[in-house]
Amino acid sequence: MKLMLGKNKSLKTSYKTPCYEVFIFAVLFLEFICNIPDISRLNFWNSIYYVLSYDAFGFNSRLILGSIIHIFTDYISTKTVYIFINVSTVLFIVFITAVVGKVARTISKNTDIDAEIFIVLFCACPVSILYLFNVENFGRLDLYLIFISVLILLCVKNNKAKWSIPFLCFLAMAVNQNFAVMYMPV
């Protein structure tokens, strides 16, 4: 940033872009910690797919996560599923933090709109990702569908990564067939 002081005189100032990621991560992680259900309140309707695998039930949608867990262990308990869902959710928060921080930085560079407004609106929006942190939705496969959809959107801009889009679509369909009607149209 350069400030013009007069004829042929200028003062150079440094303008450091704020680290939006710290605030976004803090808000999302705090929301996650405040709303995380106890292991006894884990919604079994959402978490049953973490237990089922291809070797036991054949080729079927929604069984890829259970198959991944079965690679590491044959004994799957409620505690194992609970830990897997928690780790996945924290990694998802880190990923979303990085993406939203990058978007906010791009907004602040390219437009006159304050990025802070965008961040506050994203964090306050009840349908952003906060709906995945409550008891009814904790462990839903939508977490992975959103993650894969954002990866696909990032690959669209990169010419070298465009070849991975069909693979990512296939992976998302293996996670949940609802990807075809809910997220793929994006």
C-alpha atoms as a PDB file:
ATOM      1  CA  MET A   1       0.000   0.000   0.000  1.00  0.00           C
ATOM      2  CA  LYS A   2       1.348   3.404  -0.942  1.00  0.00           C
ATOM      3  CA  LEU A   3       0.232   6.749   0.420  1.00  0.00           C
ATOM      4  CA  MET A   4       0.812   9.762  -1.790  1.00  0.00           C
ATOM      5  CA  LEU A   5       2.101  12.743   0.194  1.00  0.00           C
ATOM      6  CA  GLY A   6       2.776  15.229  -2.515  1.00  0.00           C
ATOM      7  CA  LYS A   7       4.704  15.735  -5.696  1.00  0.00           C
ATOM      8  CA  ASN A   8       7.044  12.750  -6.146  1.00  0.00           C
ATOM      9  CA  LYS A   9       6.888  11.903  -2.460  1.00  0.00           C
ATOM     10  CA  SER A  10       5.286   8.758  -1.174  1.00  0.00           C
ATOM     11  CA  LEU A  11       5.252   6.868   2.057  1.00  0.00           C
ATOM     12  CA  LYS A  12       5.251   3.098   1.941  1.00  0.00           C
ATOM     13  CA  THR A  13       3.129   1.411   4.543  1.00  0.00           C
ATOM     14  CA  SER A  14       2.738  -2.252   5.143  1.00  0.00           C
ATOM     15  CA  TYR A  15      -0.730  -3.716   5.243  1.00  0.00           C
ATOM     16  CA  LYS A  16      -0.902  -7.204   6.597  1.00  0.00           C
ATOM     17  CA  THR A  17      -3.922  -9.277   5.662  1.00  0.00           C
ATOM     18  CA  PRO A  18      -5.675 -10.452   8.813  1.00  0.00           C
ATOM     19  CA  CYS A  19      -5.629 -14.148   9.569  1.00  0.00           C
ATOM     20  CA  TYR A  20      -9.300 -14.966   9.112  1.00  0.00           C
ATOM     21  CA  GLU A  21      -8.723 -18.664   9.631  1.00  0.00           C
ATOM     22  CA  VAL A  22      -8.068 -18.321  13.357  1.00  0.00           C
ATOM     23  CA  PHE A  23     -11.427 -16.656  13.975  1.00  0.00           C
ATOM     24  CA  ILE A  24     -13.330 -19.062  11.714  1.00  0.00           C
ATOM     25  CA  PHE A  25     -11.721 -22.114  13.319  1.00  0.00           C
ATOM     26  CA  ALA A  26     -12.373 -20.770  16.811  1.00  0.00           C
ATOM     27  CA  VAL A  27     -16.057 -20.161  16.095  1.00  0.00           C
ATOM     28  CA  LEU A  28     -16.669 -23.492  14.359  1.00  0.00           C
ATOM     29  CA  PHE A  29     -14.664 -25.507  16.876  1.00  0.00           C
ATOM     30  CA  LEU A  30     -16.384 -23.800  19.819  1.00  0.00           C
ATOM     31  CA  GLU A  31     -19.764 -24.543  18.232  1.00  0.00           C
ATOM     32  CA  PHE A  32     -18.676 -28.162  17.756  1.00  0.00           C
ATOM     33  CA  ILE A  33     -17.486 -28.501  21.362  1.00  0.00           C
ATOM     34  CA  CYS A  34     -20.675 -26.932  22.730  1.00  0.00           C
ATOM     35  CA  ASN A  35     -22.996 -29.151  20.689  1.00  0.00           C
ATOM     36  CA  ILE A  36     -21.153 -32.467  20.519  1.00  0.00           C
ATOM     37  CA  PRO A  37     -23.453 -35.207  21.740  1.00  0.00           C
ATOM     38  CA  ASP A  38     -22.378 -37.634  24.394  1.00  0.00           C
ATOM     39  CA  ILE A  39     -21.510 -41.123  23.192  1.00  0.00           C
ATOM     40  CA  SER A  40     -24.712 -42.415  24.768  1.00  0.00           C
ATOM     41  CA  ARG A  41     -26.769 -39.968  22.662  1.00  0.00           C
ATOM     42  CA  LEU A  42     -25.129 -40.937  19.364  1.00  0.00           C
ATOM     43  CA  ASN A  43     -27.799 -41.212  16.685  1.00  0.00           C
ATOM     44  CA  PHE A  44     -27.597 -44.823  15.529  1.00  0.00           C
ATOM     45  CA  TRP A  45     -29.621 -44.097  12.411  1.00  0.00           C
ATOM     46  CA  ASN A  46     -26.769 -41.875  11.166  1.00  0.00           C
ATOM     47  CA  SER A  47     -23.882 -43.925  12.517  1.00  0.00           C
ATOM     48  CA  ILE A  48     -24.918 -47.415  11.423  1.00  0.00           C
ATOM     49  CA  TYR A  49     -23.193 -46.923   8.064  1.00  0.00           C
ATOM     50  CA  TYR A  50     -19.823 -46.656   9.794  1.00  0.00           C
ATOM     51  CA  VAL A  51     -20.180 -50.290  10.888  1.00  0.00           C
ATOM     52  CA  LEU A  52     -21.375 -51.870   7.638  1.00  0.00           C
ATOM     53  CA  SER A  53     -18.818 -52.894   5.017  1.00  0.00           C
ATOM     54  CA  TYR A  54     -18.655 -54.222   1.467  1.00  0.00           C
ATOM     55  CA  ASP A  55     -17.326 -57.628   2.523  1.00  0.00           C
ATOM     56  CA  ALA A  56     -20.359 -58.290   4.735  1.00  0.00           C
ATOM     57  CA  PHE A  57     -23.139 -56.713   2.658  1.00  0.00           C
ATOM     58  CA  GLY A  58     -21.864 -56.649  -0.941  1.00  0.00           C
ATOM     59  CA  PHE A  59     -21.615 -53.612  -3.161  1.00  0.00           C
ATOM     60  CA  ASN A  60     -24.023 -51.031  -1.842  1.00  0.00           C
ATOM     61  CA  SER A  61     -24.061 -47.293  -1.369  1.00  0.00           C
ATOM     62  CA  ARG A  62     -23.003 -45.784   1.969  1.00  0.00           C
ATOM     63  CA  LEU A  63     -20.712 -48.676   2.889  1.00  0.00           C
ATOM     64  CA  ILE A  64     -17.370 -47.140   1.942  1.00  0.00           C
ATOM     65  CA  LEU A  65     -16.729 -45.554   5.353  1.00  0.00           C
ATOM     66  CA  GLY A  66     -17.441 -48.792   7.174  1.00  0.00           C
ATOM     67  CA  SER A  67     -15.131 -50.575   4.736  1.00  0.00           C
ATOM     68  CA  ILE A  68     -12.364 -48.067   5.451  1.00  0.00           C
ATOM     69  CA  ILE A  69     -12.768 -48.625   9.186  1.00  0.00           C
ATOM     70  CA  HIS A  70     -12.753 -52.406   8.610  1.00  0.00           C
ATOM     71  CA  ILE A  71      -9.332 -52.095   6.976  1.00  0.00           C
ATOM     72  CA  PHE A  72      -7.874 -51.088  10.341  1.00  0.00           C
ATOM     73  CA  THR A  73      -9.957 -53.215  12.689  1.00  0.00           C
ATOM     74  CA  ASP A  74     -12.527 -55.998  12.562  1.00  0.00           C
ATOM     75  CA  TYR A  75     -14.055 -55.090  15.894  1.00  0.00           C
ATOM     76  CA  ILE A  76     -16.079 -51.905  15.647  1.00  0.00           C
ATOM     77  CA  SER A  77     -17.678 -50.568  18.773  1.00  0.00           C
ATOM     78  CA  THR A  78     -19.756 -47.491  19.443  1.00  0.00           C
ATOM     79  CA  LYS A  79     -16.628 -45.867  20.868  1.00  0.00           C
ATOM     80  CA  THR A  80     -14.696 -46.537  17.627  1.00  0.00           C
ATOM     81  CA  VAL A  81     -17.474 -44.997  15.545  1.00  0.00           C
ATOM     82  CA  TYR A  82     -17.723 -42.031  17.930  1.00  0.00           C
ATOM     83  CA  ILE A  83     -13.970 -41.382  17.714  1.00  0.00           C
ATOM     84  CA  PHE A  84     -14.001 -41.711  13.910  1.00  0.00           C
ATOM     85  CA  ILE A  85     -16.881 -39.245  13.598  1.00  0.00           C
ATOM     86  CA  ASN A  86     -15.185 -36.759  15.956  1.00  0.00           C
ATOM     87  CA  VAL A  87     -11.841 -36.925  14.127  1.00  0.00           C
ATOM     88  CA  SER A  88     -13.601 -36.584  10.765  1.00  0.00           C
ATOM     89  CA  THR A  89     -15.564 -33.582  12.008  1.00  0.00           C
ATOM     90  CA  VAL A  90     -12.475 -31.802  13.349  1.00  0.00           C
ATOM     91  CA  LEU A  91     -10.617 -32.431  10.060  1.00  0.00           C
ATOM     92  CA  PHE A  92     -13.672 -31.149   8.216  1.00  0.00           C
ATOM     93  CA  ILE A  93     -13.646 -27.985  10.343  1.00  0.00           C
ATOM     94  CA  VAL A  94      -9.963 -27.457   9.499  1.00  0.00           C
ATOM     95  CA  PHE A  95     -10.676 -27.925   5.783  1.00  0.00           C
ATOM     96  CA  ILE A  96     -13.684 -25.595   5.771  1.00  0.00           C
ATOM     97  CA  THR A  97     -11.684 -23.039   7.772  1.00  0.00           C
ATOM     98  CA  ALA A  98      -8.944 -23.015   5.138  1.00  0.00           C
ATOM     99  CA  VAL A  99     -11.402 -22.697   2.246  1.00  0.00           C
ATOM    100  CA  VAL A 100     -13.549 -19.975   3.830  1.00  0.00           C
ATOM    101  CA  GLY A 101     -10.414 -18.090   4.907  1.00  0.00           C
ATOM    102  CA  LYS A 102      -9.124 -18.170   1.325  1.00  0.00           C
ATOM    103  CA  VAL A 103     -12.497 -16.995  -0.001  1.00  0.00           C
ATOM    104  CA  ALA A 104     -12.599 -14.175   2.561  1.00  0.00           C
ATOM    105  CA  ARG A 105      -9.096 -13.063   1.619  1.00  0.00           C
ATOM    106  CA  THR A 106     -10.040 -13.074  -2.072  1.00  0.00           C
ATOM    107  CA  ILE A 107     -13.193 -11.076  -1.345  1.00  0.00           C
ATOM    108  CA  SER A 108     -11.260  -8.459   0.609  1.00  0.00           C
ATOM    109  CA  LYS A 109      -8.677  -8.078  -2.187  1.00  0.00           C
ATOM    110  CA  ASN A 110     -11.056  -7.957  -5.149  1.00  0.00           C
ATOM    111  CA  THR A 111     -14.093  -6.063  -3.866  1.00  0.00           C
ATOM    112  CA  ASP A 112     -14.993  -3.257  -1.553  1.00  0.00           C
ATOM    113  CA  ILE A 113     -17.006  -5.623   0.644  1.00  0.00           C
ATOM    114  CA  ASP A 114     -15.500  -6.325   4.030  1.00  0.00           C
ATOM    115  CA  ALA A 115     -14.503  -9.956   4.426  1.00  0.00           C
ATOM    116  CA  GLU A 116     -15.477  -9.828   8.076  1.00  0.00           C
ATOM    117  CA  ILE A 117     -19.132  -9.451   7.078  1.00  0.00           C
ATOM    118  CA  PHE A 118     -18.880 -12.544   4.894  1.00  0.00           C
ATOM    119  CA  ILE A 119     -17.269 -14.538   7.707  1.00  0.00           C
ATOM    120  CA  VAL A 120     -19.850 -13.488  10.290  1.00  0.00           C
ATOM    121  CA  LEU A 121     -22.689 -14.345   7.903  1.00  0.00           C
ATOM    122  CA  PHE A 122     -21.123 -17.741   7.139  1.00  0.00           C
ATOM    123  CA  CYS A 123     -20.608 -18.598  10.809  1.00  0.00           C
ATOM    124  CA  ALA A 124     -24.065 -17.356  11.808  1.00  0.00           C
ATOM    125  CA  CYS A 125     -25.920 -19.116   8.999  1.00  0.00           C
ATOM    126  CA  PRO A 126     -27.722 -22.126  10.471  1.00  0.00           C
ATOM    127  CA  VAL A 127     -27.333 -24.141   7.266  1.00  0.00           C
ATOM    128  CA  SER A 128     -23.610 -23.579   6.760  1.00  0.00           C
ATOM    129  CA  ILE A 129     -22.072 -26.577   8.502  1.00  0.00           C
ATOM    130  CA  LEU A 130     -23.343 -25.975  12.009  1.00  0.00           C
ATOM    131  CA  TYR A 131     -26.346 -28.231  11.418  1.00  0.00           C
ATOM    132  CA  LEU A 132     -23.975 -31.211  11.389  1.00  0.00           C
ATOM    133  CA  PHE A 133     -22.942 -30.612  15.011  1.00  0.00           C
ATOM    134  CA  ASN A 134     -26.249 -31.306  16.746  1.00  0.00           C
ATOM    135  CA  VAL A 135     -27.540 -34.602  18.123  1.00  0.00           C
ATOM    136  CA  GLU A 136     -29.855 -35.435  15.228  1.00  0.00           C
ATOM    137  CA  ASN A 137     -27.241 -34.834  12.506  1.00  0.00           C
ATOM    138  CA  PHE A 138     -23.976 -35.811  14.211  1.00  0.00           C
ATOM    139  CA  GLY A 139     -22.238 -38.380  12.044  1.00  0.00           C
ATOM    140  CA  ARG A 140     -24.312 -37.782   8.909  1.00  0.00           C
ATOM    141  CA  LEU A 141     -22.633 -38.696   5.666  1.00  0.00           C
ATOM    142  CA  ASP A 142     -23.327 -35.148   4.415  1.00  0.00           C
ATOM    143  CA  LEU A 143     -20.071 -34.171   6.097  1.00  0.00           C
ATOM    144  CA  TYR A 144     -18.114 -36.175   3.529  1.00  0.00           C
ATOM    145  CA  LEU A 145     -20.349 -35.086   0.648  1.00  0.00           C
ATOM    146  CA  ILE A 146     -19.722 -31.417   1.441  1.00  0.00           C
ATOM    147  CA  PHE A 147     -15.996 -32.113   1.726  1.00  0.00           C
ATOM    148  CA  ILE A 148     -15.882 -33.879  -1.653  1.00  0.00           C
ATOM    149  CA  SER A 149     -18.093 -31.221  -3.294  1.00  0.00           C
ATOM    150  CA  VAL A 150     -15.776 -28.437  -2.166  1.00  0.00           C
ATOM    151  CA  LEU A 151     -12.793 -30.453  -3.427  1.00  0.00           C
ATOM    152  CA  ILE A 152     -14.523 -30.799  -6.802  1.00  0.00           C
ATOM    153  CA  LEU A 153     -15.165 -27.051  -6.920  1.00  0.00           C
ATOM    154  CA  LEU A 154     -11.492 -26.415  -6.177  1.00  0.00           C
ATOM    155  CA  CYS A 155     -10.454 -28.881  -8.904  1.00  0.00           C
ATOM    156  CA  VAL A 156     -12.595 -27.117 -11.517  1.00  0.00           C
ATOM    157  CA  LYS A 157     -10.319 -24.066 -11.369  1.00  0.00           C
ATOM    158  CA  ASN A 158      -7.122 -26.102 -11.668  1.00  0.00           C
ATOM    159  CA  ASN A 159      -6.416 -27.492 -15.150  1.00  0.00           C
ATOM    160  CA  LYS A 160      -4.130 -30.234 -13.835  1.00  0.00           C
ATOM    161  CA  ALA A 161      -6.678 -31.430 -11.261  1.00  0.00           C
ATOM    162  CA  LYS A 162      -9.718 -31.545 -13.574  1.00  0.00           C
ATOM    163  CA  TRP A 163      -9.022 -35.190 -14.392  1.00  0.00           C
ATOM    164  CA  SER A 164      -9.777 -36.108 -10.762  1.00  0.00           C
ATOM    165  CA  ILE A 165     -13.366 -34.804 -10.885  1.00  0.00           C
ATOM    166  CA  PRO A 166     -14.915 -38.066 -12.211  1.00  0.00           C
ATOM    167  CA  PHE A 167     -13.056 -40.041  -9.538  1.00  0.00           C
ATOM    168  CA  LEU A 168     -14.253 -37.662  -6.814  1.00  0.00           C
ATOM    169  CA  CYS A 169     -17.839 -37.926  -8.131  1.00  0.00           C
ATOM    170  CA  PHE A 170     -17.588 -41.720  -8.025  1.00  0.00           C
ATOM    171  CA  LEU A 171     -16.194 -41.550  -4.486  1.00  0.00           C
ATOM    172  CA  ALA A 172     -19.025 -39.258  -3.398  1.00  0.00           C
ATOM    173  CA  MET A 173     -21.583 -41.633  -4.939  1.00  0.00           C
ATOM    174  CA  ALA A 174     -19.956 -44.473  -2.988  1.00  0.00           C
ATOM    175  CA  VAL A 175     -20.325 -42.458   0.213  1.00  0.00           C
ATOM    176  CA  ASN A 176     -23.992 -41.663  -0.418  1.00  0.00           C
ATOM    177  CA  GLN A 177     -26.091 -41.897  -3.569  1.00  0.00           C
ATOM    178  CA  ASN A 178     -27.895 -38.684  -2.595  1.00  0.00           C
ATOM    179  CA  PHE A 179     -24.857 -36.855  -3.965  1.00  0.00           C
ATOM    180  CA  ALA A 180     -26.366 -37.195  -7.463  1.00  0.00           C
ATOM    181  CA  VAL A 181     -29.402 -35.068  -6.637  1.00  0.00           C
ATOM    182  CA  MET A 182     -28.152 -32.897  -3.769  1.00  0.00           C
ATOM    183  CA  TYR A 183     -24.548 -31.868  -4.469  1.00  0.00           C
ATOM    184  CA  MET A 184     -23.596 -32.910  -8.014  1.00  0.00           C
ATOM    185  CA  PRO A 185     -25.794 -30.257  -9.693  1.00  0.00           C
ATOM    186  CA  VAL A 186     -23.496 -27.602  -8.220  1.00  0.00           C
END
